[in-house]
Amino acid sequence: MSDNLTPDPQEPAAPGRESRRGAAADELNWERGALERVALAAIKEQRAARRWRIFFRFMFLGVLVIIALAIFDFSGEKVATTGRHTALIALDGEISADTNANAEDIDTALESAFDDAGTAGVILRCNSPGGSPVQAGIIYRDIRRLRAKYPSVPLYVVVGDMCASGGYYAAAAADKIYVDKASIVGSIGVLMDGFGFTGLMDKLGIQRRMRTSGENKGFFDPFSPDTPKMDEHAQAMLDQIHAQFIDAVKQGRGNRLKEGPDIFSGLFWTGEKSVELGLADGFGDTDFVAREIIKAPDVVDYTVKESITDRVARKFGAAVGSGAVRAMSTIGKLNLR
């Protein structure tokens, strides 16, 4: 009788064999899961690497674009003349070295306009409350220089909402000034404004510690007390600059100016009243002056536009905080406004 007996198919398997099969299946499932995780991790890593490559390519392209703009400095629109025309230059906003209404840009535009053989006349469109007496004076003198250099090319100022103080300083050099009846014109005066915090500092127990190498070096410091000597010196400067302003207006307006006790007092008037006082010559906007006065209805804008690099710098925050710095730097600053 043989010992090799064939097991009955109906007979249940031995417990040890069944456990070995389960363990093998678990091991196979674990290996499959591990492979799947490794594969998914590799796919994610490839995707992340691809995204970073795209990001750095765009960054590199952006740097190239900024470098190209910095090198070539595409500055706004180029003037394209079409024969006989009226040249337009905009003087908008506060007159200051760090605004669009700065003397360098205005003078550059004026030079280009007068130098163009097709220019029949120049319009300086003014909408300004004033600003730096230095910048306004430079514009005034350059207008007078160009009018003398190109005697056949007139320059007219067209006032928008406002032509006051430093704005009127520059405008006084024009051949004629045209306004709207509701424009604000005048304010021939000088101011120096600021703040004093000494009373508040005393209440809060704050002590100012400033050392100077000259007895007057701390003039107009907002955290130091005011003195009669400071007031006297400041008033002398204001009076001197005011006299320069008055002289410029008298030279520019001549016999048209109807002088009175208030004309140089810093008061301002409507455009309608300014014509009566001789501060302006008539009523009209840019199109009217170009069409009816200069007789050249085609208007070409010579205003110096902000460059693309300046726009990019501003958008990326290069000027962040400049407003606060400017506000602090204006303490004790002379202004025609």
Protein backbone atom coordinates (compact mmCIF):
# COMPACT_ATOMS: atom_id res chain seq x y z
CA MET A 1 0.00 0.00 0.00
CA SER A 2 1.53 3.38 -1.10
CA ASP A 3 2.00 6.29 1.29
CA ASN A 4 1.51 8.89 -1.54
CA LEU A 5 -2.17 9.57 -1.18
CA THR A 6 -3.90 12.15 -3.39
CA PRO A 7 -5.70 14.72 -1.25
CA ASP A 8 -9.41 14.92 -1.55
CA PRO A 9 -10.51 18.08 -3.41
CA GLN A 10 -13.31 18.53 -0.95
CA GLU A 11 -10.96 18.40 1.95
CA PRO A 12 -10.19 21.86 3.44
CA ALA A 13 -6.63 23.20 3.01
CA ALA A 14 -4.24 23.15 5.85
CA PRO A 15 -4.13 26.31 7.93
CA GLY A 16 -0.42 26.92 7.34
CA ARG A 17 -0.70 26.84 3.58
CA GLU A 18 -3.61 29.34 3.52
CA SER A 19 -1.72 31.82 5.67
CA ARG A 20 1.30 31.59 3.39
CA ARG A 21 -0.87 32.44 0.38
CA GLY A 22 -2.38 35.46 2.20
CA ALA A 23 1.06 36.71 3.17
CA ALA A 24 2.26 36.42 -0.42
CA ALA A 25 -0.80 38.36 -1.65
CA ASP A 26 -0.25 41.10 0.95
CA GLU A 27 3.40 41.38 -0.04
CA LEU A 28 2.42 41.65 -3.70
CA ASN A 29 -0.14 44.37 -2.93
CA TRP A 30 2.41 46.30 -0.85
CA GLU A 31 4.99 46.18 -3.65
CA ARG A 32 2.38 47.34 -6.17
CA GLY A 33 1.33 50.20 -3.89
CA ALA A 34 4.94 51.21 -3.32
CA LEU A 35 5.60 51.24 -7.06
CA GLU A 36 2.49 53.32 -7.65
CA ARG A 37 3.57 55.83 -5.01
CA VAL A 38 7.06 56.06 -6.47
CA ALA A 39 5.62 56.55 -9.95
CA LEU A 40 3.20 59.26 -8.78
CA ALA A 41 6.01 61.01 -6.92
CA ALA A 42 8.16 60.95 -10.06
CA ILE A 43 5.31 62.38 -12.13
CA LYS A 44 4.72 65.17 -9.59
CA GLU A 45 8.42 65.95 -9.52
CA GLN A 46 8.53 66.15 -13.31
CA ARG A 47 5.53 68.47 -13.35
CA ALA A 48 7.07 70.71 -10.68
CA ALA A 49 10.36 70.80 -12.56
CA ARG A 50 8.52 71.72 -15.76
CA ARG A 51 6.65 74.52 -14.00
CA TRP A 52 9.88 75.91 -12.55
CA ARG A 53 11.54 75.77 -15.99
CA ILE A 54 8.63 77.75 -17.46
CA PHE A 55 8.78 80.23 -14.57
CA PHE A 56 12.51 80.84 -14.96
CA ARG A 57 12.14 81.19 -18.73
CA PHE A 58 9.53 83.89 -18.23
CA MET A 59 11.72 85.55 -15.61
CA PHE A 60 14.67 85.53 -17.99
CA LEU A 61 12.49 86.94 -20.76
CA GLY A 62 11.23 89.68 -18.42
CA VAL A 63 14.79 90.63 -17.47
CA LEU A 64 15.74 90.82 -21.15
CA VAL A 65 12.74 93.06 -21.86
CA ILE A 66 13.59 95.40 -18.95
CA ILE A 67 17.24 95.58 -20.09
CA ALA A 68 16.13 96.35 -23.65
CA LEU A 69 13.80 99.09 -22.41
CA ALA A 70 16.54 100.56 -20.26
CA ILE A 71 18.97 100.60 -23.19
CA PHE A 72 16.66 101.96 -25.85
CA ASP A 73 14.35 103.97 -23.53
CA PHE A 74 11.32 104.19 -25.76
CA SER A 75 9.87 107.48 -24.51
CA GLY A 76 6.24 107.75 -25.47
CA GLU A 77 4.94 108.78 -28.82
CA LYS A 78 7.13 110.42 -31.41
CA VAL A 79 5.95 113.67 -32.93
CA ALA A 80 4.79 113.18 -36.49
CA THR A 81 4.23 116.49 -38.23
CA THR A 82 1.99 116.91 -41.26
CA GLY A 83 2.93 120.23 -42.76
CA ARG A 84 1.69 123.49 -41.31
CA HIS A 85 0.27 122.89 -37.84
CA THR A 86 -0.24 124.20 -34.32
CA ALA A 87 2.18 122.80 -31.75
CA LEU A 88 0.66 121.83 -28.40
CA ILE A 89 2.53 121.44 -25.09
CA ALA A 90 0.73 120.50 -21.88
CA LEU A 91 1.72 122.01 -18.53
CA ASP A 92 -0.36 119.91 -16.13
CA GLY A 93 -0.20 119.68 -12.36
CA GLU A 94 2.31 120.94 -9.83
CA ILE A 95 5.42 122.53 -11.30
CA SER A 96 8.32 120.67 -9.74
CA ALA A 97 11.57 118.98 -10.72
CA ASP A 98 10.10 115.56 -9.88
CA THR A 99 6.73 115.84 -11.66
CA ASN A 100 5.69 115.75 -15.30
CA ALA A 101 5.47 119.56 -15.19
CA ASN A 102 9.21 120.03 -14.77
CA ALA A 103 11.21 122.71 -16.54
CA GLU A 104 13.50 120.29 -18.38
CA ASP A 105 10.65 118.43 -20.11
CA ILE A 106 8.66 121.59 -20.83
CA ASP A 107 11.70 123.32 -22.31
CA THR A 108 12.58 120.26 -24.40
CA ALA A 109 9.07 120.24 -25.83
CA LEU A 110 9.15 123.99 -26.49
CA GLU A 111 12.48 123.72 -28.28
CA SER A 112 11.18 120.92 -30.51
CA ALA A 113 7.97 122.80 -31.30
CA PHE A 114 9.67 126.07 -32.24
CA ASP A 115 12.40 124.30 -34.19
CA ASP A 116 9.88 122.50 -36.43
CA ALA A 117 9.58 124.32 -39.76
CA GLY A 118 5.88 123.39 -39.97
CA THR A 119 4.94 125.06 -36.68
CA ALA A 120 2.69 128.06 -37.30
CA GLY A 121 2.17 128.76 -33.62
CA VAL A 122 2.61 127.17 -30.19
CA ILE A 123 -0.04 126.61 -27.54
CA LEU A 124 1.05 126.02 -23.95
CA ARG A 125 -2.02 124.44 -22.37
CA CYS A 126 -1.79 125.27 -18.69
CA ASN A 127 -3.69 123.56 -15.89
CA SER A 128 -1.50 124.12 -12.84
CA PRO A 129 -1.86 125.45 -9.28
CA GLY A 130 1.80 126.49 -9.27
CA GLY A 131 4.84 125.02 -7.61
CA SER A 132 8.57 125.67 -7.58
CA PRO A 133 9.58 129.29 -8.27
CA VAL A 134 12.84 128.03 -9.73
CA GLN A 135 11.17 125.67 -12.20
CA ALA A 136 8.52 128.27 -13.13
CA GLY A 137 11.23 130.89 -13.66
CA ILE A 138 13.20 128.58 -15.97
CA ILE A 139 10.10 127.96 -18.10
CA TYR A 140 9.34 131.71 -18.19
CA ARG A 141 12.83 132.60 -19.37
CA ASP A 142 12.94 129.83 -21.96
CA ILE A 143 9.63 130.97 -23.46
CA ARG A 144 10.97 134.51 -23.78
CA ARG A 145 14.21 133.24 -25.33
CA LEU A 146 12.40 131.14 -27.93
CA ARG A 147 9.97 133.94 -28.77
CA ALA A 148 12.98 136.17 -29.48
CA LYS A 149 14.72 133.45 -31.48
CA TYR A 150 11.61 132.67 -33.58
CA PRO A 151 9.80 136.03 -33.81
CA SER A 152 7.41 134.80 -36.52
CA VAL A 153 6.10 131.94 -34.34
CA PRO A 154 3.68 133.15 -31.62
CA LEU A 155 3.14 131.35 -28.33
CA TYR A 156 -0.24 131.44 -26.65
CA VAL A 157 -1.26 130.06 -23.28
CA VAL A 158 -4.65 128.36 -23.05
CA VAL A 159 -5.85 127.97 -19.47
CA GLY A 160 -7.91 125.00 -18.36
CA ASP A 161 -9.28 124.83 -14.84
CA MET A 162 -6.44 126.77 -13.25
CA CYS A 163 -3.39 128.86 -14.03
CA ALA A 164 -2.29 130.15 -10.66
CA SER A 165 0.86 131.27 -8.92
CA GLY A 166 3.84 129.45 -10.50
CA GLY A 167 1.61 128.42 -13.40
CA TYR A 168 0.83 132.08 -14.07
CA TYR A 169 4.51 132.95 -13.62
CA ALA A 170 5.33 130.75 -16.62
CA ALA A 171 2.24 131.86 -18.57
CA ALA A 172 3.10 135.56 -18.26
CA ALA A 173 5.85 135.09 -20.87
CA ALA A 174 3.32 134.23 -23.61
CA ASP A 175 2.19 136.54 -26.41
CA LYS A 176 -1.39 136.16 -25.21
CA ILE A 177 -3.32 134.22 -22.58
CA TYR A 178 -6.73 132.72 -23.31
CA VAL A 179 -9.01 131.47 -20.54
CA ASP A 180 -12.43 130.02 -19.88
CA LYS A 181 -14.80 132.33 -18.03
CA ALA A 182 -14.72 129.96 -15.04
CA SER A 183 -10.95 129.37 -14.99
CA ILE A 184 -8.99 130.33 -11.86
CA VAL A 185 -6.23 132.82 -12.67
CA GLY A 186 -3.74 134.83 -10.63
CA SER A 187 -2.48 134.19 -7.10
CA ILE A 188 0.66 136.25 -7.67
CA GLY A 189 2.39 135.55 -4.39
CA VAL A 190 4.84 133.27 -2.60
CA LEU A 191 4.35 131.02 0.38
CA MET A 192 6.46 128.93 2.70
CA ASP A 193 4.46 126.42 4.69
CA GLY A 194 5.27 123.84 7.31
CA PHE A 195 4.33 122.53 10.75
CA GLY A 196 5.42 123.12 14.33
CA PHE A 197 5.19 120.35 16.91
CA THR A 198 6.82 121.94 19.95
CA GLY A 199 3.60 122.29 21.99
CA LEU A 200 2.65 118.68 21.38
CA MET A 201 6.17 117.53 22.25
CA ASP A 202 6.00 119.39 25.56
CA LYS A 203 2.71 117.68 26.42
CA LEU A 204 4.10 114.27 25.58
CA GLY A 205 7.41 114.85 27.31
CA ILE A 206 9.42 114.53 24.09
CA GLN A 207 12.76 116.33 23.92
CA ARG A 208 14.35 117.45 20.66
CA ARG A 209 18.09 116.74 20.50
CA MET A 210 19.60 118.48 17.48
CA ARG A 211 23.17 119.70 17.21
CA THR A 212 24.33 122.16 14.54
CA SER A 213 27.65 123.70 13.58
CA GLY A 214 26.09 127.10 12.84
CA GLU A 215 23.66 129.11 14.95
CA ASN A 216 21.14 129.34 12.10
CA LYS A 217 21.54 125.84 10.69
CA GLY A 218 18.38 124.62 12.41
CA PHE A 219 16.11 127.23 10.83
CA PHE A 220 12.60 125.97 10.06
CA ASP A 221 13.07 122.69 11.90
CA PRO A 222 9.47 121.68 12.76
CA PHE A 223 10.55 120.22 16.11
CA SER A 224 12.29 123.37 17.32
CA PRO A 225 10.62 126.58 18.52
CA ASP A 226 10.13 129.48 16.11
CA THR A 227 12.08 132.71 16.73
CA PRO A 228 11.69 136.34 15.59
CA LYS A 229 14.99 136.08 13.72
CA MET A 230 13.68 133.10 11.75
CA ASP A 231 10.48 134.98 10.88
CA GLU A 232 12.41 138.05 9.74
CA HIS A 233 14.77 136.03 7.55
CA ALA A 234 11.95 133.99 6.00
CA GLN A 235 9.89 137.09 5.25
CA ALA A 236 12.87 138.76 3.56
CA MET A 237 13.30 135.74 1.26
CA LEU A 238 9.59 135.63 0.46
CA ASP A 239 9.52 139.35 -0.34
CA GLN A 240 12.53 139.03 -2.63
CA ILE A 241 11.04 136.13 -4.60
CA HIS A 242 7.70 137.92 -4.71
CA ALA A 243 9.43 140.97 -6.24
CA GLN A 244 10.98 138.69 -8.89
CA PHE A 245 7.53 137.27 -9.64
CA ILE A 246 5.97 140.75 -9.92
CA ASP A 247 8.75 141.91 -12.22
CA ALA A 248 8.25 138.89 -14.50
CA VAL A 249 4.50 139.53 -14.73
CA LYS A 250 5.02 143.21 -15.50
CA GLN A 251 7.54 142.43 -18.23
CA GLY A 252 5.32 139.77 -19.75
CA ARG A 253 2.00 141.63 -19.62
CA GLY A 254 3.24 145.19 -20.13
CA ASN A 255 0.59 147.88 -20.53
CA ARG A 256 -2.20 145.30 -20.68
CA LEU A 257 -1.98 144.81 -16.91
CA LYS A 258 -4.33 147.01 -14.92
CA GLU A 259 -2.45 147.34 -11.67
CA GLY A 260 -4.36 147.80 -8.45
CA PRO A 261 -3.88 147.27 -4.72
CA ASP A 262 -4.83 143.57 -4.91
CA ILE A 263 -3.30 142.51 -8.22
CA PHE A 264 -0.05 141.28 -6.60
CA SER A 265 -1.54 140.38 -3.21
CA GLY A 266 -1.92 136.66 -3.86
CA LEU A 267 -5.63 136.87 -4.70
CA PHE A 268 -6.99 134.89 -7.61
CA TRP A 269 -9.92 135.56 -9.91
CA THR A 270 -12.19 133.91 -12.43
CA GLY A 271 -11.16 133.89 -16.06
CA GLU A 272 -13.81 136.51 -16.79
CA LYS A 273 -12.40 138.87 -14.16
CA SER A 274 -8.83 138.16 -15.21
CA VAL A 275 -9.57 139.53 -18.69
CA GLU A 276 -10.90 142.73 -17.11
CA LEU A 277 -7.73 143.04 -14.99
CA GLY A 278 -5.42 142.45 -17.94
CA LEU A 279 -4.14 139.15 -16.55
CA ALA A 280 -5.57 137.43 -19.65
CA ASP A 281 -6.45 138.54 -23.17
CA GLY A 282 -9.59 136.68 -24.17
CA PHE A 283 -11.68 133.52 -24.06
CA GLY A 284 -11.01 130.33 -25.95
CA ASP A 285 -9.91 126.72 -25.76
CA THR A 286 -7.16 124.89 -27.64
CA ASP A 287 -9.20 124.18 -30.77
CA PHE A 288 -10.46 127.77 -30.95
CA VAL A 289 -6.97 129.27 -30.67
CA ALA A 290 -5.51 126.84 -33.21
CA ARG A 291 -8.35 127.37 -35.68
CA GLU A 292 -9.22 131.05 -35.28
CA ILE A 293 -6.07 132.70 -33.91
CA ILE A 294 -3.14 130.71 -35.32
CA LYS A 295 -5.14 129.65 -38.41
CA ALA A 296 -3.64 126.15 -38.29
CA PRO A 297 -6.35 123.73 -37.10
CA ASP A 298 -4.10 120.65 -37.27
CA VAL A 299 -2.77 120.25 -33.71
CA VAL A 300 0.40 118.23 -33.02
CA ASP A 301 1.25 117.34 -29.42
CA TYR A 302 4.91 117.91 -28.52
CA THR A 303 4.49 117.19 -24.81
CA VAL A 304 7.26 114.96 -23.44
CA LYS A 305 5.58 111.71 -22.46
CA GLU A 306 6.60 109.50 -19.57
CA SER A 307 8.96 106.78 -20.79
CA ILE A 308 8.06 103.10 -20.64
CA THR A 309 10.96 102.46 -18.26
CA ASP A 310 9.53 105.03 -15.84
CA ARG A 311 6.14 103.35 -16.03
CA VAL A 312 7.68 99.92 -15.37
CA ALA A 313 9.68 101.28 -12.44
CA ARG A 314 6.57 102.86 -10.95
CA LYS A 315 4.45 99.76 -11.43
CA PHE A 316 7.05 97.56 -9.76
CA GLY A 317 7.15 99.83 -6.74
CA ALA A 318 10.33 101.78 -7.34
CA ALA A 319 8.54 104.86 -6.08
CA VAL A 320 6.99 103.22 -3.00
CA GLY A 321 7.13 105.61 -0.10
CA SER A 322 8.12 108.61 -2.22
CA GLY A 323 4.94 110.40 -1.21
CA ALA A 324 5.86 110.26 2.46
CA VAL A 325 9.42 111.36 1.75
CA ARG A 326 8.17 114.22 -0.40
CA ALA A 327 5.77 115.31 2.32
CA MET A 328 8.57 115.49 4.88
CA SER A 329 10.92 117.28 2.46
CA THR A 330 8.40 120.06 1.72
CA ILE A 331 8.60 121.49 5.24
CA GLY A 332 9.96 125.02 4.84
CA LYS A 333 9.92 124.72 1.04
CA LEU A 334 9.19 127.82 -1.04
CA ASN A 335 6.20 127.54 -3.35
CA LEU A 336 4.39 129.72 -5.86
CA ARG A 337 0.87 128.41 -5.22
